[in-house]
C-alpha atoms as a PDB file:
ATOM      1  CA  MET A   1      82.771 124.549  61.210  1.00  0.00           C
ATOM      2  CA  THR A   2      80.331 122.695  60.903  1.00  0.00           C
ATOM      3  CA  ARG A   3      81.720 119.819  57.356  1.00  0.00           C
ATOM      4  CA  ARG A   4      79.028 119.099  55.382  1.00  0.00           C
ATOM      5  CA  TYR A   5      79.267 116.385  52.699  1.00  0.00           C
ATOM      6  CA  ILE A   6      75.894 117.932  50.541  1.00  0.00           C
ATOM      7  CA  THR A   7      74.662 115.465  47.347  1.00  0.00           C
ATOM      8  CA  THR A   8      71.857 115.381  44.655  1.00  0.00           C
ATOM      9  CA  ALA A   9      70.031 112.112  43.746  1.00  0.00           C
ATOM     10  CA  ILE A  10      71.342 109.985  40.559  1.00  0.00           C
ATOM     11  CA  ASP A  11      69.500 111.608  36.496  1.00  0.00           C
ATOM     12  CA  TYR A  12      67.957 108.124  35.156  1.00  0.00           C
ATOM     13  CA  PRO A  13      67.776 108.279  31.499  1.00  0.00           C
ATOM     14  CA  ASN A  14      64.009 106.555  31.009  1.00  0.00           C
ATOM     15  CA  ALA A  15      62.697 110.063  30.490  1.00  0.00           C
ATOM     16  CA  ALA A  16      63.703 113.422  28.706  1.00  0.00           C
ATOM     17  CA  PRO A  17      65.269 116.456  31.609  1.00  0.00           C
ATOM     18  CA  HIS A  18      62.572 117.717  33.604  1.00  0.00           C
ATOM     19  CA  MET A  19      62.698 121.801  36.024  1.00  0.00           C
ATOM     20  CA  GLY A  20      62.126 119.664  38.641  1.00  0.00           C
ATOM     21  CA  HIS A  21      65.597 117.939  37.640  1.00  0.00           C
ATOM     22  CA  VAL A  22      66.642 122.097  37.272  1.00  0.00           C
ATOM     23  CA  LEU A  23      65.911 122.474  40.924  1.00  0.00           C
ATOM     24  CA  GLU A  24      66.698 119.733  42.741  1.00  0.00           C
ATOM     25  CA  LYS A  25      70.432 120.594  41.928  1.00  0.00           C
ATOM     26  CA  VAL A  26      69.987 124.427  42.326  1.00  0.00           C
ATOM     27  CA  LEU A  27      68.073 123.729  45.658  1.00  0.00           C
ATOM     28  CA  ALA A  28      71.124 122.018  46.654  1.00  0.00           C
ATOM     29  CA  ASP A  29      73.781 124.325  44.925  1.00  0.00           C
ATOM     30  CA  VAL A  30      72.534 127.619  47.156  1.00  0.00           C
ATOM     31  CA  TYR A  31      71.598 125.035  50.761  1.00  0.00           C
ATOM     32  CA  ALA A  32      75.655 124.290  49.733  1.00  0.00           C
ATOM     33  CA  ARG A  33      76.995 128.313  49.129  1.00  0.00           C
ATOM     34  CA  TRP A  34      74.797 128.974  52.006  1.00  0.00           C
ATOM     35  CA  CYS A  35      76.429 127.425  54.237  1.00  0.00           C
ATOM     36  CA  ARG A  36      80.247 128.351  53.311  1.00  0.00           C
ATOM     37  CA  LEU A  37      79.231 131.972  54.048  1.00  0.00           C
ATOM     38  CA  GLN A  38      78.163 130.290  58.047  1.00  0.00           C
ATOM     39  CA  GLY A  39      82.185 129.535  57.776  1.00  0.00           C
ATOM     40  CA  ASP A  40      81.003 125.335  57.018  1.00  0.00           C
ATOM     41  CA  GLU A  41      83.551 123.916  55.660  1.00  0.00           C
ATOM     42  CA  VAL A  42      81.235 121.611  52.348  1.00  0.00           C
ATOM     43  CA  ARG A  43      81.950 119.557  50.300  1.00  0.00           C
ATOM     44  CA  PHE A  44      78.630 119.081  46.768  1.00  0.00           C
ATOM     45  CA  GLN A  45      78.288 116.640  44.193  1.00  0.00           C
ATOM     46  CA  ILE A  46      76.409 115.964  42.060  1.00  0.00           C
ATOM     47  CA  GLY A  47      75.219 112.178  41.769  1.00  0.00           C
ATOM     48  CA  THR A  48      75.920 110.781  38.865  1.00  0.00           C
ATOM     49  CA  ASP A  49      76.319 107.103  38.253  1.00  0.00           C
ATOM     50  CA  GLU A  50      79.528 105.553  36.679  1.00  0.00           C
ATOM     51  CA  HIS A  51      79.121 102.233  35.956  1.00  0.00           C
ATOM     52  CA  GLY A  52      74.992 102.594  34.043  1.00  0.00           C
END
């Protein structure tokens, strides 16, 4: 079993959300789920900004 920590980039509020934001999160989620199906231990954290 492999341990994995998967993250995504922080979304910056300098423009409206677009499909690029969605694509990154969906691909990361799919990869995390696939790794779990392979028996890996996965922590999946979407990028956040607590100080801004």
